[in-house]
């Protein structure tokens, strides 16, 4: 997987753990961006610009993103079994 990433004042997440090479590359690019711009909280536009600088382009039809494990509460219908 490569060498572990260091935690610095520009990162807001713990960089330890099991990241894919792609995730690690993105984290490194965002950390570098935040450091050189002295901006710990980039906007969505800036995050998109960093992703595009890494070569990401829209090539597929949009889809609803899946809720990631451990992030926030599930939608109300998942909690109650139905939506109101």
PDB file of N, CA and C in Angstrom:
ATOM      1  N   UNK A   1       0.815  -1.207   0.000  1.00  0.00           N
ATOM      2  CA  UNK A   1       0.000   0.000   0.000  1.00  0.00           C
ATOM      3  C   UNK A   1       0.850   1.258   0.000  1.00  0.00           C
ATOM      4  N   UNK A   2       2.117   1.187   0.201  1.00  0.00           N
ATOM      5  CA  UNK A   2       2.934   2.381   0.263  1.00  0.00           C
ATOM      6  C   UNK A   2       3.173   2.807   1.693  1.00  0.00           C
ATOM      7  N   UNK A   3       3.933   3.873   1.833  1.00  0.00           N
ATOM      8  CA  UNK A   3       4.250   4.342   3.182  1.00  0.00           C
ATOM      9  C   UNK A   3       3.046   5.017   3.821  1.00  0.00           C
ATOM     10  N   UNK A   4       2.938   4.981   5.135  1.00  0.00           N
ATOM     11  CA  UNK A   4       1.798   5.605   5.814  1.00  0.00           C
ATOM     12  C   UNK A   4       1.864   7.119   5.701  1.00  0.00           C
ATOM     13  N   UNK A   5       0.700   7.745   5.659  1.00  0.00           N
ATOM     14  CA  UNK A   5       0.617   9.199   5.586  1.00  0.00           C
ATOM     15  C   UNK A   5       0.816   9.796   6.968  1.00  0.00           C
ATOM     16  N   UNK A   6       1.459  10.949   7.022  1.00  0.00           N
ATOM     17  CA  UNK A   6       1.653  11.642   8.284  1.00  0.00           C
ATOM     18  C   UNK A   6       0.457  12.535   8.562  1.00  0.00           C
ATOM     19  N   UNK A   7       0.145  12.693   9.817  1.00  0.00           N
ATOM     20  CA  UNK A   7      -0.914  13.612  10.219  1.00  0.00           C
ATOM     21  C   UNK A   7      -0.289  14.991  10.374  1.00  0.00           C
ATOM     22  N   UNK A   8      -0.917  15.998   9.801  1.00  0.00           N
ATOM     23  CA  UNK A   8      -0.401  17.356   9.951  1.00  0.00           C
ATOM     24  C   UNK A   8      -1.564  18.277  10.304  1.00  0.00           C
ATOM     25  N   UNK A   9      -1.266  19.541  10.549  1.00  0.00           N
ATOM     26  CA  UNK A   9      -2.315  20.450  11.000  1.00  0.00           C
ATOM     27  C   UNK A   9      -3.359  20.728   9.927  1.00  0.00           C
ATOM     28  N   UNK A  10      -3.090  20.373   8.676  1.00  0.00           N
ATOM     29  CA  UNK A  10      -4.032  20.622   7.597  1.00  0.00           C
ATOM     30  C   UNK A  10      -4.998  19.466   7.379  1.00  0.00           C
ATOM     31  N   UNK A  11      -4.786  18.377   8.065  1.00  0.00           N
ATOM     32  CA  UNK A  11      -5.696  17.253   7.899  1.00  0.00           C
ATOM     33  C   UNK A  11      -6.706  17.254   9.029  1.00  0.00           C
ATOM     34  N   UNK A  12      -7.929  16.897   8.700  1.00  0.00           N
ATOM     35  CA  UNK A  12      -8.980  16.881   9.711  1.00  0.00           C
ATOM     36  C   UNK A  12      -9.440  15.462  10.000  1.00  0.00           C
ATOM     37  N   UNK A  13      -8.813  14.476   9.371  1.00  0.00           N
ATOM     38  CA  UNK A  13      -9.171  13.082   9.600  1.00  0.00           C
ATOM     39  C   UNK A  13      -7.926  12.306   9.993  1.00  0.00           C
ATOM     40  N   UNK A  14      -8.129  11.212  10.668  1.00  0.00           N
ATOM     41  CA  UNK A  14      -7.026  10.327  10.995  1.00  0.00           C
ATOM     42  C   UNK A  14      -6.663   9.564   9.736  1.00  0.00           C
ATOM     43  N   UNK A  15      -5.435   9.698   9.278  1.00  0.00           N
ATOM     44  CA  UNK A  15      -5.027   9.072   8.030  1.00  0.00           C
ATOM     45  C   UNK A  15      -4.559   7.638   8.213  1.00  0.00           C
ATOM     46  N   UNK A  16      -4.651   7.115   9.410  1.00  0.00           N
ATOM     47  CA  UNK A  16      -4.337   5.711   9.605  1.00  0.00           C
ATOM     48  C   UNK A  16      -5.499   4.882   9.092  1.00  0.00           C
ATOM     49  N   UNK A  17      -5.296   3.622   8.928  1.00  0.00           N
ATOM     50  CA  UNK A  17      -6.390   2.761   8.503  1.00  0.00           C
ATOM     51  C   UNK A  17      -6.139   2.171   7.139  1.00  0.00           C
ATOM     52  N   UNK A  18      -7.147   1.492   6.658  1.00  0.00           N
ATOM     53  CA  UNK A  18      -7.037   0.792   5.384  1.00  0.00           C
ATOM     54  C   UNK A  18      -7.593   1.652   4.260  1.00  0.00           C
ATOM     55  N   UNK A  19      -6.722   2.349   3.567  1.00  0.00           N
ATOM     56  CA  UNK A  19      -7.118   3.151   2.418  1.00  0.00           C
ATOM     57  C   UNK A  19      -6.608   2.479   1.151  1.00  0.00           C
ATOM     58  N   UNK A  20      -7.365   2.612   0.089  1.00  0.00           N
ATOM     59  CA  UNK A  20      -6.893   2.128  -1.202  1.00  0.00           C
ATOM     60  C   UNK A  20      -5.826   3.088  -1.695  1.00  0.00           C
ATOM     61  N   UNK A  21      -5.079   2.679  -2.698  1.00  0.00           N
ATOM     62  CA  UNK A  21      -4.072   3.566  -3.271  1.00  0.00           C
ATOM     63  C   UNK A  21      -4.729   4.835  -3.824  1.00  0.00           C
ATOM     64  N   UNK A  22      -5.905   4.684  -4.405  1.00  0.00           N
ATOM     65  CA  UNK A  22      -6.641   5.824  -4.955  1.00  0.00           C
ATOM     66  C   UNK A  22      -7.042   6.810  -3.849  1.00  0.00           C
ATOM     67  N   UNK A  23      -7.553   6.278  -2.728  1.00  0.00           N
ATOM     68  CA  UNK A  23      -7.926   7.132  -1.595  1.00  0.00           C
ATOM     69  C   UNK A  23      -6.696   7.835  -1.010  1.00  0.00           C
ATOM     70  N   UNK A  24      -5.604   7.102  -0.905  1.00  0.00           N
ATOM     71  CA  UNK A  24      -4.369   7.658  -0.369  1.00  0.00           C
ATOM     72  C   UNK A  24      -3.854   8.796  -1.259  1.00  0.00           C
ATOM     73  N   UNK A  25      -3.919   8.601  -2.570  1.00  0.00           N
ATOM     74  CA  UNK A  25      -3.484   9.628  -3.513  1.00  0.00           C
ATOM     75  C   UNK A  25      -4.349  10.885  -3.370  1.00  0.00           C
ATOM     76  N   UNK A  26      -5.663  10.687  -3.223  1.00  0.00           N
ATOM     77  CA  UNK A  26      -6.567  11.829  -3.074  1.00  0.00           C
ATOM     78  C   UNK A  26      -6.294  12.558  -1.753  1.00  0.00           C
ATOM     79  N   UNK A  27      -6.113  11.809  -0.663  1.00  0.00           N
ATOM     80  CA  UNK A  27      -5.808  12.428   0.629  1.00  0.00           C
ATOM     81  C   UNK A  27      -4.506  13.221   0.575  1.00  0.00           C
ATOM     82  N   UNK A  28      -3.502  12.674  -0.087  1.00  0.00           N
ATOM     83  CA  UNK A  28      -2.235  13.379  -0.212  1.00  0.00           C
ATOM     84  C   UNK A  28      -2.409  14.663  -1.026  1.00  0.00           C
ATOM     85  N   UNK A  29      -3.181  14.596  -2.119  1.00  0.00           N
ATOM     86  CA  UNK A  29      -3.405  15.771  -2.956  1.00  0.00           C
ATOM     87  C   UNK A  29      -4.170  16.845  -2.189  1.00  0.00           C
ATOM     88  N   UNK A  30      -5.184  16.446  -1.416  1.00  0.00           N
ATOM     89  CA  UNK A  30      -5.949  17.427  -0.640  1.00  0.00           C
ATOM     90  C   UNK A  30      -5.079  18.033   0.461  1.00  0.00           C
ATOM     91  N   UNK A  31      -4.272  17.222   1.125  1.00  0.00           N
ATOM     92  CA  UNK A  31      -3.380  17.725   2.167  1.00  0.00           C
ATOM     93  C   UNK A  31      -2.399  18.735   1.572  1.00  0.00           C
ATOM     94  N   UNK A  32      -1.844  18.403   0.417  1.00  0.00           N
ATOM     95  CA  UNK A  32      -0.917  19.318  -0.254  1.00  0.00           C
ATOM     96  C   UNK A  32      -1.621  20.625  -0.626  1.00  0.00           C
ATOM     97  N   UNK A  33      -2.830  20.529  -1.187  1.00  0.00           N
ATOM     98  CA  UNK A  33      -3.594  21.723  -1.562  1.00  0.00           C
ATOM     99  C   UNK A  33      -3.851  22.617  -0.343  1.00  0.00           C
ATOM    100  N   UNK A  34      -4.312  22.005   0.747  1.00  0.00           N
ATOM    101  CA  UNK A  34      -4.626  22.780   1.945  1.00  0.00           C
ATOM    102  C   UNK A  34      -3.369  23.430   2.527  1.00  0.00           C
ATOM    103  N   UNK A  35      -2.249  22.730   2.440  1.00  0.00           N
ATOM    104  CA  UNK A  35      -1.005  23.261   2.984  1.00  0.00           C
ATOM    105  C   UNK A  35      -0.503  24.450   2.164  1.00  0.00           C
ATOM    106  N   UNK A  36      -0.443  24.309   0.848  1.00  0.00           N
ATOM    107  CA  UNK A  36       0.111  25.397   0.037  1.00  0.00           C
ATOM    108  C   UNK A  36      -0.813  26.610   0.000  1.00  0.00           C
ATOM    109  N   UNK A  37      -2.103  26.400   0.204  1.00  0.00           N
ATOM    110  CA  UNK A  37      -3.057  27.510   0.207  1.00  0.00           C
ATOM    111  C   UNK A  37      -3.397  27.987   1.611  1.00  0.00           C
ATOM    112  N   UNK A  38      -2.792  27.373   2.614  1.00  0.00           N
ATOM    113  CA  UNK A  38      -3.044  27.706   4.017  1.00  0.00           C
ATOM    114  C   UNK A  38      -4.545  27.791   4.292  1.00  0.00           C
ATOM    115  N   UNK A  39      -5.229  26.761   3.840  1.00  0.00           N
ATOM    116  CA  UNK A  39      -6.682  26.726   3.962  1.00  0.00           C
ATOM    117  C   UNK A  39      -7.107  25.345   4.467  1.00  0.00           C
ATOM    118  N   UNK A  40      -7.428  25.232   5.749  1.00  0.00           N
ATOM    119  CA  UNK A  40      -7.763  23.921   6.300  1.00  0.00           C
ATOM    120  C   UNK A  40      -9.142  23.394   5.880  1.00  0.00           C
ATOM    121  N   UNK A  41     -10.010  24.241   5.352  1.00  0.00           N
ATOM    122  CA  UNK A  41     -11.360  23.813   4.980  1.00  0.00           C
ATOM    123  C   UNK A  41     -11.686  24.267   3.561  1.00  0.00           C
ATOM    124  N   UNK A  42     -11.250  23.516   2.542  1.00  0.00           N
ATOM    125  CA  UNK A  42     -11.519  23.918   1.163  1.00  0.00           C
ATOM    126  C   UNK A  42     -13.004  23.802   0.820  1.00  0.00           C
ATOM    127  N   UNK A  43     -13.434  24.604  -0.143  1.00  0.00           N
ATOM    128  CA  UNK A  43     -14.829  24.558  -0.601  1.00  0.00           C
ATOM    129  C   UNK A  43     -15.023  23.332  -1.497  1.00  0.00           C
ATOM    130  N   UNK A  44     -16.276  23.026  -1.802  1.00  0.00           N
ATOM    131  CA  UNK A  44     -16.569  21.912  -2.708  1.00  0.00           C
ATOM    132  C   UNK A  44     -15.944  22.157  -4.075  1.00  0.00           C
ATOM    133  N   UNK A  45     -15.945  23.414  -4.532  1.00  0.00           N
ATOM    134  CA  UNK A  45     -15.338  23.750  -5.828  1.00  0.00           C
ATOM    135  C   UNK A  45     -13.846  23.446  -5.823  1.00  0.00           C
ATOM    136  N   UNK A  46     -13.192  23.747  -4.716  1.00  0.00           N
ATOM    137  CA  UNK A  46     -11.760  23.475  -4.612  1.00  0.00           C
ATOM    138  C   UNK A  46     -11.480  21.975  -4.562  1.00  0.00           C
ATOM    139  N   UNK A  47     -12.314  21.234  -3.853  1.00  0.00           N
ATOM    140  CA  UNK A  47     -12.158  19.773  -3.800  1.00  0.00           C
ATOM    141  C   UNK A  47     -12.333  19.191  -5.201  1.00  0.00           C
ATOM    142  N   UNK A  48     -13.328  19.678  -5.938  1.00  0.00           N
ATOM    143  CA  UNK A  48     -13.554  19.213  -7.309  1.00  0.00           C
ATOM    144  C   UNK A  48     -12.354  19.558  -8.195  1.00  0.00           C
ATOM    145  N   UNK A  49     -11.782  20.743  -8.011  1.00  0.00           N
ATOM    146  CA  UNK A  49     -10.615  21.143  -8.800  1.00  0.00           C
ATOM    147  C   UNK A  49      -9.433  20.215  -8.526  1.00  0.00           C
ATOM    148  N   UNK A  50      -9.236  19.825  -7.268  1.00  0.00           N
ATOM    149  CA  UNK A  50      -8.149  18.900  -6.928  1.00  0.00           C
ATOM    150  C   UNK A  50      -8.413  17.538  -7.575  1.00  0.00           C
ATOM    151  N   UNK A  51      -9.652  17.068  -7.506  1.00  0.00           N
ATOM    152  CA  UNK A  51      -9.993  15.779  -8.128  1.00  0.00           C
ATOM    153  C   UNK A  51      -9.730  15.829  -9.636  1.00  0.00           C
ATOM    154  N   UNK A  52     -10.116  16.919 -10.284  1.00  0.00           N
ATOM    155  CA  UNK A  52      -9.879  17.057 -11.729  1.00  0.00           C
ATOM    156  C   UNK A  52      -8.388  17.119 -12.032  1.00  0.00           C
ATOM    157  N   UNK A  53      -7.616  17.771 -11.151  1.00  0.00           N
ATOM    158  CA  UNK A  53      -6.168  17.843 -11.344  1.00  0.00           C
ATOM    159  C   UNK A  53      -5.529  16.454 -11.266  1.00  0.00           C
ATOM    160  N   UNK A  54      -6.171  15.544 -10.534  1.00  0.00           N
ATOM    161  CA  UNK A  54      -5.683  14.160 -10.456  1.00  0.00           C
ATOM    162  C   UNK A  54      -6.102  13.342 -11.674  1.00  0.00           C
ATOM    163  N   UNK A  55      -6.951  13.928 -12.532  1.00  0.00           N
ATOM    164  CA  UNK A  55      -7.362  13.232 -13.746  1.00  0.00           C
ATOM    165  C   UNK A  55      -8.786  12.714 -13.740  1.00  0.00           C
ATOM    166  N   UNK A  56      -9.541  12.971 -12.682  1.00  0.00           N
ATOM    167  CA  UNK A  56     -10.914  12.479 -12.617  1.00  0.00           C
ATOM    168  C   UNK A  56     -11.798  13.273 -13.570  1.00  0.00           C
ATOM    169  N   UNK A  57     -12.630  12.555 -14.323  1.00  0.00           N
ATOM    170  CA  UNK A  57     -13.576  13.155 -15.241  1.00  0.00           C
ATOM    171  C   UNK A  57     -14.886  12.400 -15.148  1.00  0.00           C
ATOM    172  N   UNK A  58     -15.980  13.084 -15.422  1.00  0.00           N
ATOM    173  CA  UNK A  58     -17.299  12.446 -15.416  1.00  0.00           C
ATOM    174  C   UNK A  58     -17.420  11.614 -16.691  1.00  0.00           C
ATOM    175  N   UNK A  59     -17.510  10.288 -16.516  1.00  0.00           N
ATOM    176  CA  UNK A  59     -17.597   9.407 -17.680  1.00  0.00           C
ATOM    177  C   UNK A  59     -18.814   8.490 -17.614  1.00  0.00           C
ATOM    178  N   UNK A  60     -19.491   8.452 -16.488  1.00  0.00           N
ATOM    179  CA  UNK A  60     -20.648   7.569 -16.313  1.00  0.00           C
ATOM    180  C   UNK A  60     -21.877   8.395 -15.977  1.00  0.00           C
ATOM    181  N   UNK A  61     -23.027   7.781 -16.097  1.00  0.00           N
ATOM    182  CA  UNK A  61     -24.270   8.435 -15.707  1.00  0.00           C
ATOM    183  C   UNK A  61     -24.293   8.626 -14.197  1.00  0.00           C
ATOM    184  N   UNK A  62     -24.846   9.732 -13.710  1.00  0.00           N
ATOM    185  CA  UNK A  62     -24.929   9.948 -12.261  1.00  0.00           C
ATOM    186  C   UNK A  62     -25.781   8.877 -11.581  1.00  0.00           C
ATOM    187  N   UNK A  63     -25.493   8.611 -10.332  1.00  0.00           N
ATOM    188  CA  UNK A  63     -26.276   7.679  -9.519  1.00  0.00           C
ATOM    189  C   UNK A  63     -26.306   8.190  -8.097  1.00  0.00           C
ATOM    190  N   UNK A  64     -27.254   7.706  -7.326  1.00  0.00           N
ATOM    191  CA  UNK A  64     -27.391   8.108  -5.927  1.00  0.00           C
ATOM    192  C   UNK A  64     -26.249   7.480  -5.130  1.00  0.00           C
ATOM    193  N   UNK A  65     -25.420   8.292  -4.460  1.00  0.00           N
ATOM    194  CA  UNK A  65     -24.317   7.722  -3.677  1.00  0.00           C
ATOM    195  C   UNK A  65     -24.837   6.865  -2.526  1.00  0.00           C
ATOM    196  N   UNK A  66     -24.105   5.843  -2.197  1.00  0.00           N
ATOM    197  CA  UNK A  66     -24.471   4.955  -1.094  1.00  0.00           C
ATOM    198  C   UNK A  66     -24.007   5.563   0.213  1.00  0.00           C
ATOM    199  N   UNK A  67     -24.810   5.377   1.258  1.00  0.00           N
ATOM    200  CA  UNK A  67     -24.427   5.840   2.593  1.00  0.00           C
ATOM    201  C   UNK A  67     -23.259   4.990   3.058  1.00  0.00           C
ATOM    202  N   UNK A  68     -22.195   5.657   3.502  1.00  0.00           N
ATOM    203  CA  UNK A  68     -21.011   4.935   3.955  1.00  0.00           C
ATOM    204  C   UNK A  68     -21.178   4.522   5.408  1.00  0.00           C
ATOM    205  N   UNK A  69     -20.683   3.375   5.727  1.00  0.00           N
ATOM    206  CA  UNK A  69     -20.765   2.814   7.074  1.00  0.00           C
ATOM    207  C   UNK A  69     -20.194   3.796   8.094  1.00  0.00           C
ATOM    208  N   UNK A  70     -20.966   4.087   9.130  1.00  0.00           N
ATOM    209  CA  UNK A  70     -20.489   4.921  10.209  1.00  0.00           C
ATOM    210  C   UNK A  70     -20.664   6.412  10.001  1.00  0.00           C
ATOM    211  N   UNK A  71     -21.218   6.835   8.884  1.00  0.00           N
ATOM    212  CA  UNK A  71     -21.374   8.260   8.626  1.00  0.00           C
ATOM    213  C   UNK A  71     -22.833   8.668   8.757  1.00  0.00           C
ATOM    214  N   UNK A  72     -23.162   9.299   9.845  1.00  0.00           N
ATOM    215  CA  UNK A  72     -24.507   9.830  10.029  1.00  0.00           C
ATOM    216  C   UNK A  72     -25.563   8.776  10.252  1.00  0.00           C
ATOM    217  N   UNK A  73     -26.803   9.252  10.352  1.00  0.00           N
ATOM    218  CA  UNK A  73     -27.948   8.362  10.557  1.00  0.00           C
ATOM    219  C   UNK A  73     -28.477   7.885   9.213  1.00  0.00           C
ATOM    220  N   UNK A  74     -29.079   6.704   9.178  1.00  0.00           N
ATOM    221  CA  UNK A  74     -29.711   6.256   7.947  1.00  0.00           C
ATOM    222  C   UNK A  74     -30.951   7.098   7.670  1.00  0.00           C
ATOM    223  N   UNK A  75     -31.409   7.124   6.417  1.00  0.00           N
ATOM    224  CA  UNK A  75     -32.641   7.857   6.135  1.00  0.00           C
ATOM    225  C   UNK A  75     -33.784   7.369   7.015  1.00  0.00           C
ATOM    226  N   UNK A  76     -34.740   8.241   7.295  1.00  0.00           N
ATOM    227  CA  UNK A  76     -35.857   7.940   8.191  1.00  0.00           C
ATOM    228  C   UNK A  76     -36.584   6.655   7.780  1.00  0.00           C
ATOM    229  N   UNK A  77     -36.731   6.417   6.480  1.00  0.00           N
ATOM    230  CA  UNK A  77     -37.459   5.222   6.044  1.00  0.00           C
ATOM    231  C   UNK A  77     -36.718   3.941   6.419  1.00  0.00           C
ATOM    232  N   UNK A  78     -35.380   3.990   6.502  1.00  0.00           N
ATOM    233  CA  UNK A  78     -34.643   2.816   6.947  1.00  0.00           C
ATOM    234  C   UNK A  78     -34.851   2.563   8.436  1.00  0.00           C
ATOM    235  N   UNK A  79     -35.069   3.635   9.197  1.00  0.00           N
ATOM    236  CA  UNK A  79     -35.264   3.508  10.641  1.00  0.00           C
ATOM    237  C   UNK A  79     -36.663   2.965  10.930  1.00  0.00           C
ATOM    238  N   UNK A  80     -37.680   3.525  10.275  1.00  0.00           N
ATOM    239  CA  UNK A  80     -39.073   3.161  10.542  1.00  0.00           C
ATOM    240  C   UNK A  80     -39.609   2.090   9.596  1.00  0.00           C
ATOM    241  N   UNK A  81     -38.894   1.789   8.534  1.00  0.00           N
ATOM    242  CA  UNK A  81     -39.382   0.805   7.586  1.00  0.00           C
ATOM    243  C   UNK A  81     -40.323   1.391   6.543  1.00  0.00           C
ATOM    244  N   UNK A  82     -40.618   2.687   6.636  1.00  0.00           N
ATOM    245  CA  UNK A  82     -41.463   3.362   5.645  1.00  0.00           C
ATOM    246  C   UNK A  82     -41.199   4.859   5.707  1.00  0.00           C
ATOM    247  N   UNK A  83     -41.637   5.558   4.648  1.00  0.00           N
ATOM    248  CA  UNK A  83     -41.492   7.014   4.658  1.00  0.00           C
ATOM    249  C   UNK A  83     -42.858   7.642   4.866  1.00  0.00           C
ATOM    250  N   UNK A  84     -42.877   8.801   5.499  1.00  0.00           N
ATOM    251  CA  UNK A  84     -44.147   9.468   5.793  1.00  0.00           C
ATOM    252  C   UNK A  84     -44.542  10.420   4.697  1.00  0.00           C
TER     253      UNK A  84
END
